[in-house]
Amino acid sequence: MKTLKRIFGYTMALAVGFGVASCADENDWDVDGSHDRLFGVANDGLNVTEGDTWAEVEFSGFRGTEYYIIEVSTDSLTDDIGMGESAGSIVFGEDRSITTSPDTIRGLLGETKYYLRMKAMSTQQTESRWVYFDNGDGGTSFETLAEQIFNTPAAADQGDTYMRMTWTPGAEVTRLTVATPDGAIVQDIDLTQLPDAVANGEYMVEGLTQLTTYVFTIYNGDTRRGELILTTMASMPDAEYKYTLSSAVTVFSQDLMDEIEAQALAQPGVDPANYSVTIGIPAGVTLDFHGTDVDTGDPTAVKIPDGMSVTFFGLAGGEAPVLNMTKSVDIGGTHAYIRFNNVQFIDTGCQYLINQSGAATISELTFESCTVSDFERCFVRLQNAGNAKSINNLNVNNCVVTNVAQGYSMFLWKDNEGVVSNLNVTNSTFDTFTRSFAEITGNDTGTAVTVNDCTFYGGPDSGRYIVDVNNTTGATVNLTRCIFANSECKGVRGATPVITEVYFTSDFSLTGNSFDPTATLDGSADVFADPANHDFTLEVRGVQAGDPRWY
């Protein structure tokens, strides 16, 4: 907040000085002797710090003053205007409550220009003259900040075609608008016709479009009282067969996977060699993700059926569902795509999210809007050169990956154990890892590694690489709009990276295979809001890089 100051002119300063000097010793209270009038507050000490519906007024008073009157108005104030007679006038302190500095005045309107004047009061002497606020820039007003009475919607309030908006119950509001980011109004809701909504401070906005950004604004008359920019959730993707799990299901087993396969193949016209399924997982549920060995009872990997293209989709309406991964997902066979969208992965024993050793041919493997936590080893690993494995596009977008790759590299395929044509990592955060981010070494077929708009914190460790494509034919590396923070490691080995708008924090350094950043920022603790607690909100101006969720 900007502190605005009244600057007192030199002439008045001299007058005050002479007035003080002329006071008799036995009459040392601060009055104007010729008029027996209180001095006004010290002009150069009248400061205003603006809030949204309040302002803090700081002033330097004089002895002999019992209390103070503060008046603000949305119209200009002069000596010719009586107290309380100006348009939009609010008078504070008539109850003699303002006796010390600073004082906070409340009940103002947000984003509103106010004029302010102040006088000293006493029951024993004549009140002072009005002293008028001067903002120091030649103006005589201050402006309150934008008010925010909206609450941030909880996960349960955010849907694909709806958004439940809540605000301070009973607040004076008359209108709620929904607009596109360019200002086009798509809904204009008259709250004066909805007294229950106003009293309860909530309204369900419906008829929205999935994955669309809207600006929600609430008004009292023409005064904006709150604004939020929100994006609707994704709708359940189309497929030849769509299956929604019951919220009572607690284990996603091989038997359940086989049941879904059978139901999908029973649909008319489905090609068993190439068909699509979307599995909707209710918001807020927790599933143990594993099969069971019929002989031993031990957990086994859930295998995605050959020929099935599948999306595991966390439904809107609450927190993303949690998948406790006791075993890795088996992606063997042929698949046009395998997608995980809006789910939370937690390692409960598997160590690798994907650890593929069997033969597999996959056009697209995508992780979208997921969190991946505490996997001791890899996010994705391809192993065993004896079985051919190929992924055309491995995509990671809008994900947060925390405490993964402590034992093996985050993404790992080496020595011709698998082929990934394109590794595309975008709009994501990688927080706390020790091994290399990508280890793609000793392969006859190269990978195009593209990492855009990502935040890296606390990894890789010393001696490890951001990207290692040593002895891999035809590999390329592109890093764009990324931030690397709080680590000492090596850069890119085996290829010359293309670097565009890449930033290091001052506590990040490369000890080998180096490349130059676009700029070096301050230390992580100053660049991010609270990195030790996984809050990477950018605190620096002029930088729009890293995972966009943080700026």
Protein backbone atom coordinates (compact mmCIF):
# COMPACT_ATOMS: atom_id res chain seq x y z
CA MET A 1 0.00 0.00 0.00
CA LYS A 2 1.17 3.46 -0.78
CA THR A 3 1.44 5.92 2.08
CA LEU A 4 0.28 9.37 1.06
CA LYS A 5 1.57 12.43 2.91
CA ARG A 6 0.44 16.01 3.27
CA ILE A 7 3.38 18.31 2.67
CA PHE A 8 3.09 21.51 4.61
CA GLY A 9 4.26 24.73 2.90
CA TYR A 10 7.16 26.72 4.15
CA THR A 11 5.03 29.75 4.99
CA MET A 12 2.76 27.80 7.34
CA ALA A 13 5.78 26.15 8.94
CA LEU A 14 7.22 29.57 9.76
CA ALA A 15 3.88 30.75 11.13
CA VAL A 16 3.60 27.76 13.42
CA GLY A 17 7.16 28.29 14.56
CA PHE A 18 6.52 31.95 15.46
CA GLY A 19 3.25 31.02 17.16
CA VAL A 20 4.94 28.44 19.35
CA ALA A 21 7.75 30.80 20.20
CA SER A 22 5.29 33.46 21.40
CA CYS A 23 3.59 31.22 24.00
CA ALA A 24 4.17 32.26 27.60
CA ASP A 25 5.94 29.83 29.89
CA GLU A 26 2.96 29.55 32.22
CA ASN A 27 0.65 28.82 29.25
CA ASP A 28 2.49 25.94 27.54
CA TRP A 29 -0.49 24.13 26.04
CA ASP A 30 -0.54 24.41 22.23
CA VAL A 31 -3.11 27.09 21.38
CA ASP A 32 -3.28 30.10 19.12
CA GLY A 33 -3.06 32.81 21.76
CA SER A 34 -4.87 35.48 19.75
CA HIS A 35 -7.96 33.35 19.20
CA ASP A 36 -7.70 30.81 22.03
CA ARG A 37 -8.03 28.15 19.31
CA LEU A 38 -6.46 24.71 19.20
CA PHE A 39 -3.81 24.11 16.63
CA GLY A 40 -4.80 21.68 13.91
CA VAL A 41 -2.94 18.44 13.51
CA ALA A 42 0.60 18.81 12.26
CA ASN A 43 0.24 19.16 8.52
CA ASP A 44 3.38 17.31 7.55
CA GLY A 45 2.38 14.40 9.75
CA LEU A 46 -1.00 13.65 8.19
CA ASN A 47 -0.59 10.31 6.45
CA VAL A 48 -3.14 7.96 4.92
CA THR A 49 -2.60 4.26 4.22
CA GLU A 50 -5.38 2.87 2.07
CA GLY A 51 -7.12 -0.47 2.44
CA ASP A 52 -10.16 -1.72 0.58
CA THR A 53 -13.00 -0.55 2.84
CA TRP A 54 -10.80 1.16 5.38
CA ALA A 55 -7.98 3.64 5.70
CA GLU A 56 -5.46 4.17 8.45
CA VAL A 57 -5.00 7.85 9.30
CA GLU A 58 -1.78 8.77 11.06
CA PHE A 59 -1.35 12.25 12.48
CA SER A 60 0.73 14.30 14.91
CA GLY A 61 -1.46 16.06 17.46
CA PHE A 62 -0.86 18.67 20.13
CA ARG A 63 -1.43 18.87 23.85
CA GLY A 64 -4.75 20.31 24.83
CA THR A 65 -6.64 18.27 22.25
CA GLU A 66 -9.21 15.93 23.75
CA TYR A 67 -10.30 14.20 20.56
CA TYR A 68 -10.28 14.52 16.79
CA ILE A 69 -12.85 14.65 14.01
CA ILE A 70 -12.09 13.06 10.65
CA GLU A 71 -14.36 13.62 7.67
CA VAL A 72 -14.10 11.89 4.31
CA SER A 73 -16.19 12.58 1.24
CA THR A 74 -16.45 11.38 -2.32
CA ASP A 75 -16.71 15.05 -3.32
CA SER A 76 -14.16 17.75 -2.67
CA LEU A 77 -14.15 19.50 0.70
CA THR A 78 -13.66 23.21 1.47
CA ASP A 79 -14.17 25.53 4.43
CA ASP A 80 -17.41 26.70 2.82
CA ILE A 81 -18.93 23.23 3.18
CA GLY A 82 -20.30 22.37 6.59
CA MET A 83 -19.34 19.16 8.31
CA GLY A 84 -21.32 16.25 6.90
CA GLU A 85 -22.89 18.32 4.13
CA SER A 86 -20.73 17.14 1.21
CA ALA A 87 -21.91 14.39 -1.13
CA GLY A 88 -20.90 10.98 0.16
CA SER A 89 -19.64 12.45 3.43
CA ILE A 90 -18.81 10.24 6.41
CA VAL A 91 -17.83 11.83 9.72
CA PHE A 92 -15.78 9.89 12.25
CA GLY A 93 -15.07 10.78 15.88
CA GLU A 94 -18.15 12.74 16.91
CA ASP A 95 -18.43 10.24 19.76
CA ARG A 96 -14.99 11.48 20.92
CA SER A 97 -13.49 8.04 20.17
CA ILE A 98 -10.52 9.30 18.14
CA THR A 99 -7.93 10.32 20.70
CA THR A 100 -4.67 8.80 19.50
CA SER A 101 -2.79 8.18 16.28
CA PRO A 102 -3.09 6.17 14.15
CA ASP A 103 -6.81 5.65 13.77
CA THR A 104 -8.50 3.31 11.32
CA ILE A 105 -11.68 4.53 9.68
CA ARG A 106 -13.97 1.89 8.24
CA GLY A 107 -17.07 1.56 6.10
CA LEU A 108 -15.54 3.03 2.97
CA LEU A 109 -16.21 1.80 -0.55
CA GLY A 110 -13.55 -0.10 -2.47
CA GLU A 111 -11.86 1.50 -5.47
CA THR A 112 -13.28 4.90 -4.54
CA LYS A 113 -11.66 8.33 -4.42
CA TYR A 114 -12.02 10.13 -1.09
CA TYR A 115 -11.16 13.62 0.13
CA LEU A 116 -10.23 13.95 3.80
CA ARG A 117 -10.06 16.69 6.37
CA MET A 118 -9.42 16.67 10.09
CA LYS A 119 -9.70 18.97 13.09
CA ALA A 120 -8.71 18.92 16.75
CA MET A 121 -11.45 19.25 19.38
CA SER A 122 -11.65 20.26 23.06
CA THR A 123 -14.38 21.15 25.54
CA GLN A 124 -12.11 23.83 26.99
CA GLN A 125 -10.98 25.64 23.86
CA THR A 126 -12.20 26.52 20.42
CA GLU A 127 -11.83 23.69 17.93
CA SER A 128 -9.02 23.95 15.41
CA ARG A 129 -9.50 24.89 11.81
CA TRP A 130 -9.86 22.10 9.27
CA VAL A 131 -6.63 20.61 8.00
CA TYR A 132 -6.97 19.14 4.49
CA PHE A 133 -5.22 16.06 3.25
CA ASP A 134 -2.65 16.51 0.50
CA ASN A 135 -1.33 13.37 -1.20
CA GLY A 136 2.04 14.92 -1.98
CA ASP A 137 1.55 14.72 -5.74
CA GLY A 138 -0.49 17.87 -6.06
CA GLY A 139 -3.77 16.13 -5.32
CA THR A 140 -6.03 16.23 -2.30
CA SER A 141 -7.51 12.75 -2.39
CA PHE A 142 -6.66 9.12 -1.83
CA GLU A 143 -8.23 6.04 -3.43
CA THR A 144 -9.16 2.86 -1.63
CA LEU A 145 -8.01 -0.49 -2.94
CA ALA A 146 -10.14 -3.04 -4.74
CA GLU A 147 -12.36 -4.92 -2.31
CA GLN A 148 -12.51 -8.72 -2.30
CA ILE A 149 -15.58 -10.22 -0.66
CA PHE A 150 -15.47 -13.35 -2.81
CA ASN A 151 -14.14 -16.53 -1.26
CA THR A 152 -11.86 -18.70 -3.36
CA PRO A 153 -14.03 -21.61 -4.52
CA ALA A 154 -13.27 -24.94 -2.90
CA ALA A 155 -12.63 -27.89 -5.17
CA ALA A 156 -16.20 -29.08 -4.58
CA ASP A 157 -17.50 -25.74 -5.88
CA GLN A 158 -15.69 -25.95 -9.23
CA GLY A 159 -17.23 -27.92 -12.06
CA ASP A 160 -16.97 -28.30 -15.79
CA THR A 161 -20.15 -26.30 -16.53
CA TYR A 162 -20.75 -24.59 -13.18
CA MET A 163 -19.05 -22.54 -10.49
CA ARG A 164 -20.48 -21.98 -7.02
CA MET A 165 -19.58 -18.46 -5.98
CA THR A 166 -19.62 -17.49 -2.31
CA TRP A 167 -19.03 -14.19 -0.55
CA THR A 168 -19.59 -12.48 2.79
CA PRO A 169 -23.17 -13.35 3.79
CA GLY A 170 -25.46 -10.34 3.95
CA ALA A 171 -22.99 -8.02 2.22
CA GLU A 172 -24.57 -5.19 0.24
CA VAL A 173 -24.46 -6.46 -3.34
CA THR A 174 -26.74 -5.89 -6.31
CA ARG A 175 -25.18 -7.60 -9.31
CA LEU A 176 -22.92 -10.49 -10.31
CA THR A 177 -21.41 -10.64 -13.78
CA VAL A 178 -19.61 -13.40 -15.64
CA ALA A 179 -17.37 -12.21 -18.45
CA THR A 180 -14.71 -13.43 -20.81
CA PRO A 181 -11.16 -12.18 -20.17
CA ASP A 182 -11.63 -9.57 -22.91
CA GLY A 183 -14.62 -8.10 -21.09
CA ALA A 184 -17.58 -9.57 -22.97
CA ILE A 185 -20.44 -10.20 -20.51
CA VAL A 186 -21.84 -13.73 -20.82
CA GLN A 187 -24.09 -13.62 -17.74
CA ASP A 188 -25.46 -10.61 -15.84
CA ILE A 189 -27.23 -11.70 -12.66
CA ASP A 190 -29.53 -9.26 -10.84
CA LEU A 191 -28.98 -10.05 -7.18
CA THR A 192 -31.71 -7.65 -6.08
CA GLN A 193 -34.15 -10.30 -7.27
CA LEU A 194 -32.37 -13.02 -5.28
CA PRO A 195 -32.64 -12.07 -1.59
CA ASP A 196 -31.79 -15.57 -0.39
CA ALA A 197 -28.56 -15.56 -2.40
CA VAL A 198 -27.59 -12.20 -0.90
CA ALA A 199 -28.45 -13.28 2.63
CA ASN A 200 -26.56 -16.57 2.32
CA GLY A 201 -23.68 -15.13 0.29
CA GLU A 202 -23.77 -17.78 -2.43
CA TYR A 203 -24.92 -18.32 -6.00
CA MET A 204 -24.48 -21.26 -8.37
CA VAL A 205 -23.43 -20.00 -11.80
CA GLU A 206 -24.43 -22.59 -14.38
CA GLY A 207 -24.31 -22.95 -18.15
CA LEU A 208 -20.55 -22.44 -18.42
CA THR A 209 -18.20 -24.12 -20.88
CA GLN A 210 -15.56 -26.62 -19.82
CA LEU A 211 -11.92 -25.53 -19.65
CA THR A 212 -12.87 -21.89 -20.15
CA THR A 213 -11.57 -18.91 -18.20
CA TYR A 214 -14.14 -16.47 -16.84
CA VAL A 215 -14.00 -13.24 -14.84
CA PHE A 216 -16.54 -13.23 -12.00
CA THR A 217 -17.31 -9.77 -10.58
CA ILE A 218 -19.75 -8.74 -7.84
CA TYR A 219 -21.01 -5.17 -7.43
CA ASN A 220 -22.95 -2.92 -5.14
CA GLY A 221 -24.40 -0.48 -7.62
CA ASP A 222 -21.43 0.58 -9.71
CA THR A 223 -18.88 -0.23 -7.02
CA ARG A 224 -16.96 -3.43 -7.54
CA ARG A 225 -16.79 -5.45 -4.33
CA GLY A 226 -14.96 -8.53 -5.53
CA GLU A 227 -13.46 -10.19 -8.56
CA LEU A 228 -12.02 -13.62 -9.32
CA ILE A 229 -10.60 -15.10 -12.51
CA LEU A 230 -11.43 -18.81 -12.62
CA THR A 231 -11.23 -21.63 -15.14
CA THR A 232 -13.82 -24.36 -15.31
CA MET A 233 -12.81 -27.97 -15.00
CA ALA A 234 -12.60 -30.44 -17.87
CA SER A 235 -15.60 -32.53 -18.79
CA MET A 236 -15.28 -36.28 -18.96
CA PRO A 237 -13.68 -36.98 -22.35
CA ASP A 238 -15.63 -38.77 -25.05
CA ALA A 239 -14.85 -42.37 -25.91
CA GLU A 240 -16.55 -45.35 -27.48
CA TYR A 241 -17.29 -46.53 -23.96
CA LYS A 242 -17.50 -44.40 -20.80
CA TYR A 243 -17.47 -45.99 -17.37
CA THR A 244 -17.89 -44.12 -14.09
CA LEU A 245 -16.69 -45.79 -10.92
CA SER A 246 -18.94 -45.92 -7.91
CA SER A 247 -17.68 -43.77 -5.05
CA ALA A 248 -17.91 -46.93 -2.92
CA VAL A 249 -15.08 -48.59 -4.88
CA THR A 250 -11.84 -48.59 -2.88
CA VAL A 251 -9.59 -50.79 -5.06
CA PHE A 252 -8.97 -50.47 -8.77
CA SER A 253 -8.07 -54.08 -9.48
CA GLN A 254 -7.23 -56.17 -12.51
CA ASP A 255 -10.66 -57.76 -12.19
CA LEU A 256 -12.27 -54.33 -12.47
CA MET A 257 -10.08 -53.47 -15.45
CA ASP A 258 -11.09 -56.72 -17.15
CA GLU A 259 -14.75 -56.05 -16.42
CA ILE A 260 -14.51 -52.61 -18.06
CA GLU A 261 -12.76 -54.21 -21.04
CA ALA A 262 -15.56 -56.75 -21.47
CA GLN A 263 -18.26 -54.09 -21.31
CA ALA A 264 -16.42 -51.92 -23.83
CA LEU A 265 -15.93 -54.78 -26.28
CA ALA A 266 -19.65 -55.57 -26.04
CA GLN A 267 -20.53 -52.19 -27.55
CA PRO A 268 -21.70 -52.31 -31.19
CA GLY A 269 -18.99 -51.69 -33.78
CA VAL A 270 -16.04 -51.76 -31.40
CA ASP A 271 -12.76 -52.94 -32.96
CA PRO A 272 -10.95 -55.10 -30.36
CA ALA A 273 -7.61 -54.06 -31.83
CA ASN A 274 -8.28 -50.34 -31.42
CA TYR A 275 -11.03 -48.97 -29.18
CA SER A 276 -11.38 -46.17 -26.67
CA VAL A 277 -12.53 -46.07 -23.05
CA THR A 278 -12.85 -43.26 -20.52
CA ILE A 279 -12.93 -44.24 -16.87
CA GLY A 280 -14.42 -41.54 -14.64
CA ILE A 281 -13.16 -41.58 -11.06
CA PRO A 282 -15.31 -39.65 -8.56
CA ALA A 283 -13.82 -36.60 -6.90
CA GLY A 284 -12.53 -37.07 -3.40
CA VAL A 285 -12.16 -40.86 -3.44
CA THR A 286 -9.00 -42.82 -2.64
CA LEU A 287 -8.27 -45.98 -4.63
CA ASP A 288 -5.63 -48.63 -4.10
CA PHE A 289 -4.38 -49.34 -7.61
CA HIS A 290 -3.19 -52.94 -7.96
CA GLY A 291 -4.16 -56.44 -8.95
CA THR A 292 -3.80 -59.58 -6.84
CA ASP A 293 -1.83 -62.75 -7.53
CA VAL A 294 -4.36 -65.59 -7.39
CA ASP A 295 -1.81 -67.99 -5.92
CA THR A 296 0.00 -65.86 -3.37
CA GLY A 297 -2.39 -63.00 -2.75
CA ASP A 298 0.45 -60.55 -3.35
CA PRO A 299 -0.28 -57.30 -5.18
CA THR A 300 0.40 -57.21 -8.93
CA ALA A 301 0.46 -54.50 -11.57
CA VAL A 302 -2.80 -53.58 -13.27
CA LYS A 303 -2.34 -54.21 -17.00
CA ILE A 304 -4.14 -52.07 -19.52
CA PRO A 305 -5.73 -54.43 -22.08
CA ASP A 306 -4.09 -54.67 -25.49
CA GLY A 307 -5.82 -52.48 -28.07
CA MET A 308 -7.52 -50.26 -25.49
CA SER A 309 -6.95 -46.52 -25.57
CA VAL A 310 -7.88 -45.32 -22.13
CA THR A 311 -8.28 -42.13 -20.12
CA PHE A 312 -8.31 -42.34 -16.34
CA PHE A 313 -10.21 -39.16 -15.55
CA GLY A 314 -10.73 -37.51 -12.17
CA LEU A 315 -14.21 -36.05 -12.19
CA ALA A 316 -14.95 -32.48 -11.13
CA GLY A 317 -16.79 -31.58 -7.95
CA GLY A 318 -14.12 -31.99 -5.29
CA GLU A 319 -10.49 -32.83 -4.70
CA ALA A 320 -8.82 -34.88 -7.41
CA PRO A 321 -9.07 -38.60 -6.62
CA VAL A 322 -6.06 -40.27 -5.03
CA LEU A 323 -4.48 -43.37 -6.56
CA ASN A 324 -2.32 -45.26 -4.09
CA MET A 325 0.16 -47.03 -6.34
CA THR A 326 1.19 -50.32 -4.77
CA LYS A 327 2.45 -51.51 -8.15
CA SER A 328 3.41 -49.72 -11.35
CA VAL A 329 0.94 -49.47 -14.23
CA ASP A 330 1.58 -52.07 -16.95
CA ILE A 331 1.25 -50.30 -20.30
CA GLY A 332 2.28 -53.30 -22.42
CA GLY A 333 0.58 -53.97 -25.74
CA THR A 334 -0.56 -51.58 -28.46
CA HIS A 335 -2.41 -48.40 -27.55
CA ALA A 336 -3.27 -45.26 -29.49
CA TYR A 337 -3.18 -43.41 -26.18
CA ILE A 338 -3.01 -43.87 -22.43
CA ARG A 339 -3.98 -40.75 -20.47
CA PHE A 340 -4.19 -39.83 -16.82
CA ASN A 341 -6.08 -36.61 -16.14
CA ASN A 342 -6.74 -34.87 -12.82
CA VAL A 343 -5.60 -37.59 -10.45
CA GLN A 344 -3.17 -37.70 -7.53
CA PHE A 345 -0.54 -40.45 -7.61
CA ILE A 346 1.07 -41.52 -4.34
CA ASP A 347 3.77 -44.19 -4.06
CA THR A 348 2.66 -46.82 -1.57
CA GLY A 349 5.26 -49.38 -2.56
CA CYS A 350 5.76 -49.43 -6.32
CA GLN A 351 8.72 -46.94 -6.46
CA TYR A 352 8.13 -46.35 -10.19
CA LEU A 353 4.90 -44.95 -11.62
CA ILE A 354 5.73 -46.52 -14.99
CA ASN A 355 8.40 -49.24 -15.07
CA GLN A 356 7.79 -50.97 -18.37
CA SER A 357 9.75 -54.09 -19.27
CA GLY A 358 7.28 -55.88 -21.55
CA ALA A 359 6.79 -55.02 -25.21
CA ALA A 360 4.70 -51.91 -25.82
CA THR A 361 3.77 -49.64 -28.71
CA ILE A 362 2.07 -46.44 -27.63
CA SER A 363 1.38 -43.41 -29.74
CA GLU A 364 0.67 -41.13 -26.76
CA LEU A 365 1.26 -41.41 -23.02
CA THR A 366 -0.05 -38.29 -21.27
CA PHE A 367 -0.20 -37.03 -17.70
CA GLU A 368 -2.45 -33.96 -17.48
CA SER A 369 -3.23 -31.94 -14.34
CA CYS A 370 -1.84 -34.61 -12.02
CA THR A 371 0.19 -34.61 -8.83
CA VAL A 372 2.91 -37.21 -8.39
CA SER A 373 4.30 -37.62 -4.88
CA ASP A 374 7.00 -39.57 -3.10
CA PHE A 375 7.98 -42.09 -5.77
CA GLU A 376 11.39 -43.29 -4.66
CA ARG A 377 12.63 -43.90 -8.17
CA CYS A 378 11.20 -42.97 -11.56
CA PHE A 379 8.24 -41.16 -12.96
CA VAL A 380 8.63 -43.11 -16.23
CA ARG A 381 11.20 -45.84 -16.88
CA LEU A 382 11.58 -48.17 -19.85
CA GLN A 383 13.78 -51.20 -19.21
CA ASN A 384 14.78 -54.59 -20.71
CA ALA A 385 16.18 -54.27 -24.22
CA GLY A 386 14.89 -57.75 -25.03
CA ASN A 387 11.34 -56.41 -25.53
CA ALA A 388 10.73 -53.56 -27.95
CA LYS A 389 9.09 -50.55 -26.35
CA SER A 390 8.24 -47.33 -28.13
CA ILE A 391 6.31 -44.22 -27.17
CA ASN A 392 5.86 -41.57 -29.81
CA ASN A 393 4.80 -38.72 -27.49
CA LEU A 394 5.32 -38.74 -23.73
CA ASN A 395 3.51 -35.65 -22.44
CA VAL A 396 3.48 -34.11 -18.98
CA ASN A 397 1.38 -30.96 -18.64
CA ASN A 398 0.10 -28.93 -15.71
CA CYS A 399 1.48 -31.36 -13.14
CA VAL A 400 3.18 -31.00 -9.75
CA VAL A 401 5.83 -33.63 -9.02
CA THR A 402 7.22 -33.72 -5.48
CA ASN A 403 9.95 -35.85 -3.93
CA VAL A 404 10.39 -38.19 -6.90
CA ALA A 405 13.62 -39.56 -8.42
CA GLN A 406 15.65 -40.11 -5.29
CA GLY A 407 17.04 -43.44 -6.51
CA TYR A 408 16.78 -43.33 -10.31
CA SER A 409 16.33 -40.46 -12.75
CA MET A 410 12.90 -38.91 -13.23
CA PHE A 411 12.63 -40.02 -16.86
CA LEU A 412 14.86 -42.97 -17.72
CA TRP A 413 15.45 -45.05 -20.84
CA LYS A 414 18.98 -45.95 -21.82
CA ASP A 415 21.10 -48.48 -23.70
CA ASN A 416 18.34 -49.14 -26.25
CA GLU A 417 15.92 -50.37 -23.60
CA GLY A 418 13.17 -48.22 -25.09
CA VAL A 419 12.42 -45.45 -27.56
CA VAL A 420 10.58 -42.22 -26.82
CA SER A 421 10.47 -39.97 -29.85
CA ASN A 422 9.27 -36.83 -28.03
CA LEU A 423 9.38 -35.94 -24.35
CA ASN A 424 7.17 -32.87 -23.91
CA VAL A 425 7.06 -31.35 -20.43
CA THR A 426 5.07 -28.13 -19.97
CA ASN A 427 3.50 -25.93 -17.29
CA SER A 428 4.70 -28.12 -14.43
CA THR A 429 6.63 -28.03 -11.16
CA PHE A 430 9.36 -30.47 -10.09
CA ASP A 431 10.13 -30.09 -6.42
CA THR A 432 12.89 -31.97 -4.58
CA PHE A 433 14.69 -34.70 -6.50
CA THR A 434 18.24 -35.98 -6.39
CA ARG A 435 18.87 -37.82 -9.65
CA SER A 436 18.85 -36.43 -13.18
CA PHE A 437 15.64 -35.00 -14.54
CA ALA A 438 16.03 -36.94 -17.80
CA GLU A 439 18.57 -39.72 -18.39
CA ILE A 440 18.36 -40.82 -22.03
CA THR A 441 21.78 -42.25 -22.75
CA GLY A 442 23.34 -44.78 -25.08
CA ASN A 443 20.38 -45.03 -27.46
CA ASP A 444 20.52 -45.49 -31.21
CA THR A 445 17.29 -43.53 -31.63
CA GLY A 446 17.15 -40.01 -30.26
CA THR A 447 14.55 -38.18 -28.22
CA ALA A 448 13.46 -34.58 -28.76
CA VAL A 449 13.31 -33.19 -25.22
CA THR A 450 11.17 -30.07 -24.89
CA VAL A 451 10.70 -28.45 -21.49
CA ASN A 452 8.62 -25.26 -21.45
CA ASP A 453 7.28 -23.13 -18.60
CA CYS A 454 8.45 -25.30 -15.73
CA THR A 455 9.71 -24.60 -12.21
CA PHE A 456 12.53 -26.75 -10.80
CA TYR A 457 13.44 -26.57 -7.12
CA GLY A 458 15.83 -28.66 -5.07
CA GLY A 459 17.17 -30.83 -7.85
CA PRO A 460 19.08 -32.40 -9.46
CA ASP A 461 21.80 -33.02 -6.90
CA SER A 462 25.52 -32.57 -7.34
CA GLY A 463 26.96 -34.63 -10.17
CA ARG A 464 23.57 -35.23 -11.81
CA TYR A 465 22.21 -33.60 -14.93
CA ILE A 466 19.20 -31.60 -15.90
CA VAL A 467 19.18 -33.58 -19.15
CA ASP A 468 21.67 -36.31 -20.04
CA VAL A 469 21.52 -37.55 -23.64
CA ASN A 470 25.11 -38.72 -23.79
CA ASN A 471 25.82 -41.16 -26.63
CA THR A 472 22.25 -41.00 -27.91
CA THR A 473 21.98 -40.42 -31.63
CA GLY A 474 20.02 -37.39 -32.79
CA ALA A 475 18.81 -36.15 -29.40
CA THR A 476 17.78 -32.51 -29.04
CA VAL A 477 17.08 -30.40 -25.96
CA ASN A 478 14.99 -27.21 -25.80
CA LEU A 479 14.46 -25.33 -22.53
CA THR A 480 12.10 -22.35 -22.62
CA ARG A 481 10.78 -20.04 -19.86
CA CYS A 482 11.99 -22.24 -17.03
CA ILE A 483 13.23 -21.37 -13.54
CA PHE A 484 15.90 -23.49 -11.83
CA ALA A 485 16.33 -22.96 -8.09
CA ASN A 486 18.18 -24.17 -5.01
CA SER A 487 20.55 -26.81 -6.34
CA GLU A 488 24.07 -27.42 -7.58
CA CYS A 489 24.17 -29.83 -10.50
CA LYS A 490 25.28 -30.25 -14.09
CA GLY A 491 23.52 -28.92 -17.14
CA VAL A 492 22.93 -30.74 -20.43
CA ARG A 493 25.26 -33.50 -21.59
CA GLY A 494 25.38 -34.93 -25.09
CA ALA A 495 23.61 -32.10 -26.92
CA THR A 496 23.81 -28.35 -27.22
CA PRO A 497 20.59 -27.07 -25.66
CA VAL A 498 18.48 -24.29 -27.11
CA ILE A 499 17.90 -21.90 -24.21
CA THR A 500 15.14 -19.27 -24.27
CA GLU A 501 14.18 -17.15 -21.25
CA VAL A 502 15.65 -19.47 -18.66
CA TYR A 503 16.32 -18.14 -15.16
CA PHE A 504 18.52 -19.32 -12.30
CA THR A 505 18.12 -18.24 -8.71
CA SER A 506 21.32 -17.19 -6.99
CA ASP A 507 21.33 -20.44 -4.99
CA PHE A 508 21.34 -22.53 -8.16
CA SER A 509 24.53 -23.24 -10.10
CA LEU A 510 25.88 -25.54 -12.79
CA THR A 511 29.19 -27.27 -12.12
CA GLY A 512 29.63 -28.77 -15.59
CA ASN A 513 28.00 -29.10 -19.01
CA SER A 514 26.87 -25.58 -18.39
CA PHE A 515 24.69 -23.14 -20.23
CA ASP A 516 24.06 -19.49 -19.47
CA PRO A 517 20.71 -18.36 -18.09
CA THR A 518 18.88 -15.37 -19.45
CA ALA A 519 19.25 -13.82 -16.00
CA THR A 520 20.12 -14.76 -12.43
CA LEU A 521 17.51 -13.83 -9.84
CA ASP A 522 17.81 -13.46 -6.07
CA GLY A 523 17.85 -16.47 -3.78
CA SER A 524 14.93 -18.88 -3.71
CA ALA A 525 13.61 -17.53 -0.42
CA ASP A 526 13.21 -14.10 -2.02
CA VAL A 527 12.06 -15.24 -5.45
CA PHE A 528 9.31 -17.56 -4.19
CA ALA A 529 6.68 -17.02 -1.50
CA ASP A 530 7.51 -20.07 0.64
CA PRO A 531 9.57 -22.63 -1.27
CA ALA A 532 10.37 -24.71 1.80
CA ASN A 533 6.65 -25.43 2.04
CA HIS A 534 6.16 -25.95 -1.70
CA ASP A 535 4.71 -22.51 -2.46
CA PHE A 536 6.52 -21.20 -5.54
CA THR A 537 4.39 -18.12 -6.10
CA LEU A 538 6.69 -15.61 -7.79
CA GLU A 539 7.58 -12.61 -5.66
CA VAL A 540 9.61 -10.85 -8.35
CA ARG A 541 8.16 -8.44 -10.85
CA GLY A 542 8.89 -8.50 -14.54
CA VAL A 543 9.45 -12.26 -14.73
CA GLN A 544 6.85 -14.53 -16.28
CA ALA A 545 8.59 -17.86 -16.39
CA GLY A 546 8.33 -21.21 -14.72
CA ASP A 547 5.07 -23.01 -14.04
CA PRO A 548 2.26 -20.50 -14.80
CA ARG A 549 0.27 -21.60 -11.75
CA TRP A 550 2.73 -19.55 -9.69
CA TYR A 551 2.27 -16.15 -11.36
